[in-house]
């Protein structure tokens, strides 16, 4: 079933259903031995991000359980991060090569360096991390069954929606003032969380919410590419991979910053209160069908 609320279910039932589905998907992906371990980790980490966004959506009604669940899904994703992070930087080099002219020798040397770093990830250690996370799924499902009543209506998710939208708006302003990689990365975290929340609401008005989610995805990718290029820049500088590569990274990052600013100012044009009121009205109209 989709990562989205359905018309006939209460907010509480929808949250629990999606949580159960995503945990089951993560378990299945991590234990699917037909896939390379790197692919298994990559897919499972997506599920952890989706479930953590859902936990943060119901932060207020979860009460004391929030801290436990937020920490578990955060730490589970981090425990598996190393292999994917190394692959992401290599992918960022290939994306950069499609946008900029990089001398063939420089590109070849950079590829060799990044491939060596990726291959240096200890496969045995990664398998151990996968096994450690997999062993904790039953406990996660048991905790989920003991969650308190979250509420039946829009009010169950209103605080989470408001908090995430307002947080993204605040981080955007900070990032556009600072113009540094750390601030832009913090903004990206809030953008991704908001994107997940919008996906959960896709059924309230599919044409509009699908288009909105598409813009958020584009914004998230721009900020994500900027972060990956920041990591690539650090590696290129420390490994002395050449000034032309560094210059190409800097130029592409400026383009991505401009793209993110243009998209972000539209996404966060409304006040948090106005945006939440609009979502509440969409929800009510949908439920009144």
Protein backbone atom coordinates (compact mmCIF):
# COMPACT_ATOMS: atom_id res chain seq x y z
CA UNK A 1 0.00 0.00 0.00
CA UNK A 2 1.08 3.60 -0.56
CA UNK A 3 3.02 5.85 1.78
CA UNK A 4 -0.12 7.99 2.18
CA UNK A 5 -3.22 8.37 4.31
CA UNK A 6 -6.36 6.73 2.97
CA UNK A 7 -9.86 8.15 2.91
CA UNK A 8 -11.65 5.70 5.19
CA UNK A 9 -9.07 5.44 7.97
CA UNK A 10 -8.56 7.65 11.01
CA UNK A 11 -5.30 9.56 11.41
CA UNK A 12 -4.28 7.10 14.14
CA UNK A 13 -5.03 4.06 12.00
CA UNK A 14 -3.25 5.58 9.02
CA UNK A 15 -0.10 6.33 10.97
CA UNK A 16 0.07 2.81 12.43
CA UNK A 17 -0.61 1.18 9.05
CA UNK A 18 2.11 3.14 7.27
CA UNK A 19 4.57 2.56 10.11
CA UNK A 20 3.94 -1.20 10.01
CA UNK A 21 4.26 -1.29 6.23
CA UNK A 22 7.51 0.66 6.17
CA UNK A 23 9.11 -1.40 8.92
CA UNK A 24 8.11 -4.59 7.10
CA UNK A 25 9.55 -3.22 3.85
CA UNK A 26 12.82 -2.27 5.57
CA UNK A 27 13.10 -5.75 7.08
CA UNK A 28 12.42 -7.37 3.72
CA UNK A 29 14.94 -5.21 1.90
CA UNK A 30 17.72 -5.74 4.44
CA UNK A 31 17.26 -9.51 4.42
CA UNK A 32 16.86 -9.90 0.63
CA UNK A 33 20.03 -11.85 -0.15
CA UNK A 34 19.32 -11.71 -3.89
CA UNK A 35 20.41 -8.06 -3.80
CA UNK A 36 23.96 -6.76 -3.17
CA UNK A 37 24.34 -5.60 0.41
CA UNK A 38 24.90 -2.00 -0.71
CA UNK A 39 21.56 -1.96 -2.55
CA UNK A 40 19.81 -3.53 0.43
CA UNK A 41 21.20 -0.86 2.72
CA UNK A 42 20.29 1.96 0.34
CA UNK A 43 16.66 0.90 0.09
CA UNK A 44 16.28 0.20 3.80
CA UNK A 45 17.70 3.60 4.71
CA UNK A 46 14.96 5.22 2.61
CA UNK A 47 12.39 3.38 4.71
CA UNK A 48 14.04 4.53 7.94
CA UNK A 49 13.88 8.14 6.76
CA UNK A 50 10.21 7.75 5.85
CA UNK A 51 9.34 6.16 9.18
CA UNK A 52 11.27 8.77 11.13
CA UNK A 53 9.41 11.53 9.28
CA UNK A 54 6.15 9.83 10.25
CA UNK A 55 7.27 9.63 13.89
CA UNK A 56 8.06 13.33 13.83
CA UNK A 57 4.66 14.05 12.29
CA UNK A 58 2.95 12.73 15.46
CA UNK A 59 5.52 14.02 17.93
CA UNK A 60 2.97 15.77 20.14
CA UNK A 61 0.42 12.94 20.57
CA UNK A 62 3.23 10.38 20.95
CA UNK A 63 4.35 12.08 24.15
CA UNK A 64 7.18 10.29 25.95
CA UNK A 65 7.39 7.61 23.25
CA UNK A 66 8.60 10.15 20.69
CA UNK A 67 12.19 10.37 21.96
CA UNK A 68 12.60 6.58 21.93
CA UNK A 69 11.22 6.11 18.41
CA UNK A 70 12.98 9.12 16.91
CA UNK A 71 16.32 7.99 18.30
CA UNK A 72 15.89 4.38 17.13
CA UNK A 73 15.09 5.20 13.51
CA UNK A 74 17.80 7.87 13.43
CA UNK A 75 20.46 5.55 14.81
CA UNK A 76 19.41 2.60 12.65
CA UNK A 77 19.86 4.72 9.53
CA UNK A 78 23.20 6.10 10.71
CA UNK A 79 24.47 2.62 11.51
CA UNK A 80 24.10 1.71 7.85
CA UNK A 81 25.28 5.00 6.36
CA UNK A 82 28.94 4.35 5.49
CA UNK A 83 28.53 2.25 2.37
CA UNK A 84 25.90 4.51 0.83
CA UNK A 85 27.81 7.71 1.62
CA UNK A 86 30.88 6.47 -0.26
CA UNK A 87 28.74 5.55 -3.27
CA UNK A 88 26.92 8.90 -3.20
CA UNK A 89 30.17 10.85 -3.55
CA UNK A 90 31.17 8.76 -6.55
CA UNK A 91 27.76 9.45 -8.10
CA UNK A 92 28.24 13.18 -7.46
CA UNK A 93 31.43 13.08 -9.53
CA UNK A 94 29.57 11.52 -12.45
CA UNK A 95 26.81 14.12 -12.22
CA UNK A 96 29.43 16.86 -12.15
CA UNK A 97 31.14 15.43 -15.23
CA UNK A 98 27.82 15.75 -17.08
CA UNK A 99 27.63 19.46 -16.22
CA UNK A 100 31.24 20.60 -16.50
CA UNK A 101 34.34 20.09 -18.58
CA UNK A 102 36.85 18.21 -16.47
CA UNK A 103 40.17 17.09 -17.96
CA UNK A 104 40.09 13.38 -18.74
CA UNK A 105 43.16 12.67 -16.63
CA UNK A 106 41.73 14.51 -13.64
CA UNK A 107 38.41 12.69 -13.95
CA UNK A 108 40.12 9.31 -14.20
CA UNK A 109 42.26 9.99 -11.14
CA UNK A 110 39.25 11.19 -9.16
CA UNK A 111 37.26 8.08 -10.09
CA UNK A 112 40.09 5.80 -8.98
CA UNK A 113 40.38 7.62 -5.66
CA UNK A 114 36.66 7.49 -4.92
CA UNK A 115 36.29 3.88 -6.02
CA UNK A 116 39.15 2.91 -3.69
CA UNK A 117 37.41 4.68 -0.79
CA UNK A 118 34.12 2.98 -1.60
CA UNK A 119 35.75 -0.43 -1.86
CA UNK A 120 37.56 0.13 1.43
CA UNK A 121 34.23 -0.11 3.29
CA UNK A 122 34.54 -3.36 5.24
CA UNK A 123 31.92 -5.73 3.81
CA UNK A 124 32.10 -7.97 6.87
CA UNK A 125 31.55 -5.01 9.18
CA UNK A 126 28.61 -3.86 7.05
CA UNK A 127 27.05 -7.33 7.18
CA UNK A 128 27.38 -7.18 10.96
CA UNK A 129 25.65 -3.80 11.07
CA UNK A 130 22.83 -5.12 8.88
CA UNK A 131 22.39 -8.11 11.20
CA UNK A 132 22.37 -5.84 14.26
CA UNK A 133 19.63 -3.63 12.84
CA UNK A 134 17.61 -6.60 11.56
CA UNK A 135 17.65 -8.18 15.01
CA UNK A 136 15.90 -5.12 16.46
CA UNK A 137 12.86 -5.11 14.15
CA UNK A 138 10.74 -7.30 16.42
CA UNK A 139 11.29 -4.91 19.33
CA UNK A 140 10.36 -1.97 17.09
CA UNK A 141 7.09 -3.68 16.11
CA UNK A 142 6.33 -4.46 19.76
CA UNK A 143 6.82 -0.81 20.74
CA UNK A 144 4.59 0.26 17.86
CA UNK A 145 1.74 -1.94 19.14
CA UNK A 146 1.95 -0.10 22.48
CA UNK A 147 1.70 3.43 21.06
CA UNK A 148 -0.92 5.66 22.67
CA UNK A 149 -4.05 6.82 20.85
CA UNK A 150 -2.89 9.54 18.46
CA UNK A 151 -6.26 10.98 17.50
CA UNK A 152 -8.76 10.43 14.74
CA UNK A 153 -8.70 13.72 12.83
CA UNK A 154 -6.37 16.30 11.30
CA UNK A 155 -5.49 17.55 14.78
CA UNK A 156 -3.36 14.44 15.33
CA UNK A 157 -0.91 15.58 12.64
CA UNK A 158 -1.39 19.36 12.68
CA UNK A 159 1.41 20.15 15.11
CA UNK A 160 3.89 17.98 13.21
CA UNK A 161 2.98 19.53 9.88
CA UNK A 162 3.29 23.04 11.29
CA UNK A 163 6.58 22.31 13.03
CA UNK A 164 8.17 20.85 9.90
CA UNK A 165 7.01 23.59 7.53
CA UNK A 166 8.03 26.34 9.96
CA UNK A 167 11.38 24.64 10.57
CA UNK A 168 12.10 24.44 6.86
CA UNK A 169 11.22 28.10 6.39
CA UNK A 170 13.52 29.08 9.27
CA UNK A 171 16.40 26.92 7.99
CA UNK A 172 15.97 28.33 4.48
CA UNK A 173 16.43 31.86 5.76
CA UNK A 174 19.48 30.83 7.78
CA UNK A 175 20.97 28.99 4.79
CA UNK A 176 20.45 31.87 2.38
CA UNK A 177 22.13 34.22 4.86
CA UNK A 178 25.09 31.95 5.58
CA UNK A 179 25.58 30.46 2.10
CA UNK A 180 27.67 27.64 3.55
CA UNK A 181 27.45 23.87 3.17
CA UNK A 182 26.48 23.16 6.78
CA UNK A 183 23.51 25.56 6.77
CA UNK A 184 22.31 24.28 3.40
CA UNK A 185 22.54 20.71 4.66
CA UNK A 186 20.43 21.55 7.72
CA UNK A 187 17.84 23.11 5.42
CA UNK A 188 17.83 19.98 3.28
CA UNK A 189 16.92 17.83 6.31
CA UNK A 190 13.80 19.91 6.91
CA UNK A 191 12.93 19.95 3.20
CA UNK A 192 13.06 16.14 3.03
CA UNK A 193 10.90 15.82 6.12
CA UNK A 194 8.34 18.22 4.62
CA UNK A 195 8.46 16.27 1.35
CA UNK A 196 7.63 13.03 3.16
CA UNK A 197 4.74 14.70 4.98
CA UNK A 198 3.34 16.05 1.73
CA UNK A 199 3.50 12.55 0.25
CA UNK A 200 1.43 11.29 3.18
CA UNK A 201 -1.22 13.89 2.27
CA UNK A 202 -1.21 13.16 -1.47
CA UNK A 203 -4.78 11.86 -1.52
CA UNK A 204 -6.36 15.04 -0.11
CA UNK A 205 -6.08 16.65 -3.57
CA UNK A 206 -3.93 14.45 -5.86
CA UNK A 207 -3.19 16.83 -8.78
CA UNK A 208 -2.11 19.69 -6.51
CA UNK A 209 -0.26 17.62 -3.90
CA UNK A 210 1.57 15.58 -6.55
CA UNK A 211 2.84 18.76 -8.20
CA UNK A 212 3.84 20.23 -4.83
CA UNK A 213 5.66 17.04 -3.86
CA UNK A 214 7.48 17.15 -7.20
CA UNK A 215 8.81 20.64 -6.45
CA UNK A 216 9.93 19.52 -2.99
CA UNK A 217 11.69 16.53 -4.50
CA UNK A 218 13.50 18.81 -6.94
CA UNK A 219 14.51 21.13 -4.09
CA UNK A 220 15.68 18.20 -1.97
CA UNK A 221 17.79 16.83 -4.83
CA UNK A 222 19.40 20.23 -5.45
CA UNK A 223 20.37 20.54 -1.78
CA UNK A 224 21.47 16.90 -1.65
CA UNK A 225 23.69 17.32 -4.72
CA UNK A 226 25.18 20.43 -3.11
CA UNK A 227 26.05 18.45 0.02
CA UNK A 228 27.58 15.56 -1.94
CA UNK A 229 29.70 18.06 -3.88
CA UNK A 230 30.86 19.56 -0.60
CA UNK A 231 32.12 16.13 0.47
CA UNK A 232 33.68 15.64 -2.96
CA UNK A 233 35.41 19.03 -2.66
CA UNK A 234 36.96 18.03 0.67
CA UNK A 235 38.25 14.76 -0.78
CA UNK A 236 39.53 16.45 -3.94
CA UNK A 237 41.40 19.05 -1.89
CA UNK A 238 42.93 16.54 0.52
CA UNK A 239 43.92 14.13 -2.28
CA UNK A 240 45.21 16.99 -4.51
CA UNK A 241 43.02 16.00 -7.45
CA UNK A 242 43.49 19.31 -9.24
CA UNK A 243 42.36 22.93 -9.26
CA UNK A 244 40.15 22.45 -12.31
CA UNK A 245 38.08 19.85 -10.48
CA UNK A 246 37.76 22.15 -7.45
CA UNK A 247 36.71 25.04 -9.67
CA UNK A 248 34.09 22.89 -11.41
CA UNK A 249 32.69 21.84 -8.03
CA UNK A 250 32.49 25.45 -6.86
CA UNK A 251 30.72 26.55 -10.04
CA UNK A 252 28.18 23.74 -9.87
CA UNK A 253 27.49 24.43 -6.20
CA UNK A 254 26.69 28.06 -7.02
CA UNK A 255 24.22 26.88 -9.66
CA UNK A 256 22.57 24.53 -7.19
CA UNK A 257 22.35 27.28 -4.57
CA UNK A 258 20.55 29.51 -7.07
CA UNK A 259 18.17 26.72 -8.03
CA UNK A 260 17.44 25.94 -4.38
CA UNK A 261 16.79 29.59 -3.56
CA UNK A 262 14.32 30.00 -6.44
CA UNK A 263 12.42 26.85 -5.49
CA UNK A 264 12.59 27.47 -1.75
CA UNK A 265 11.17 30.98 -1.89
CA UNK A 266 8.11 29.57 -3.65
CA UNK A 267 7.71 26.53 -1.39
CA UNK A 268 7.92 28.66 1.76
CA UNK A 269 6.09 31.73 0.45
CA UNK A 270 3.17 31.31 2.88
CA UNK A 271 3.31 31.82 6.61
CA UNK A 272 3.28 28.51 8.53
CA UNK A 273 -0.18 29.28 9.88
CA UNK A 274 -1.58 30.02 6.40
CA UNK A 275 -0.03 26.87 4.94
CA UNK A 276 -1.44 24.72 7.75
CA UNK A 277 -4.90 26.26 7.38
CA UNK A 278 -4.86 25.41 3.68
CA UNK A 279 -3.89 21.79 4.38
CA UNK A 280 -6.62 21.55 7.02
CA UNK A 281 -9.19 22.79 4.53
CA UNK A 282 -8.01 20.27 1.92
CA UNK A 283 -8.24 17.48 4.53
CA UNK A 284 -11.77 18.47 5.56
CA UNK A 285 -12.98 18.71 1.96
CA UNK A 286 -11.47 15.28 1.24
CA UNK A 287 -13.03 13.67 4.30
CA UNK A 288 -16.43 15.24 3.56
CA UNK A 289 -16.75 13.35 0.25
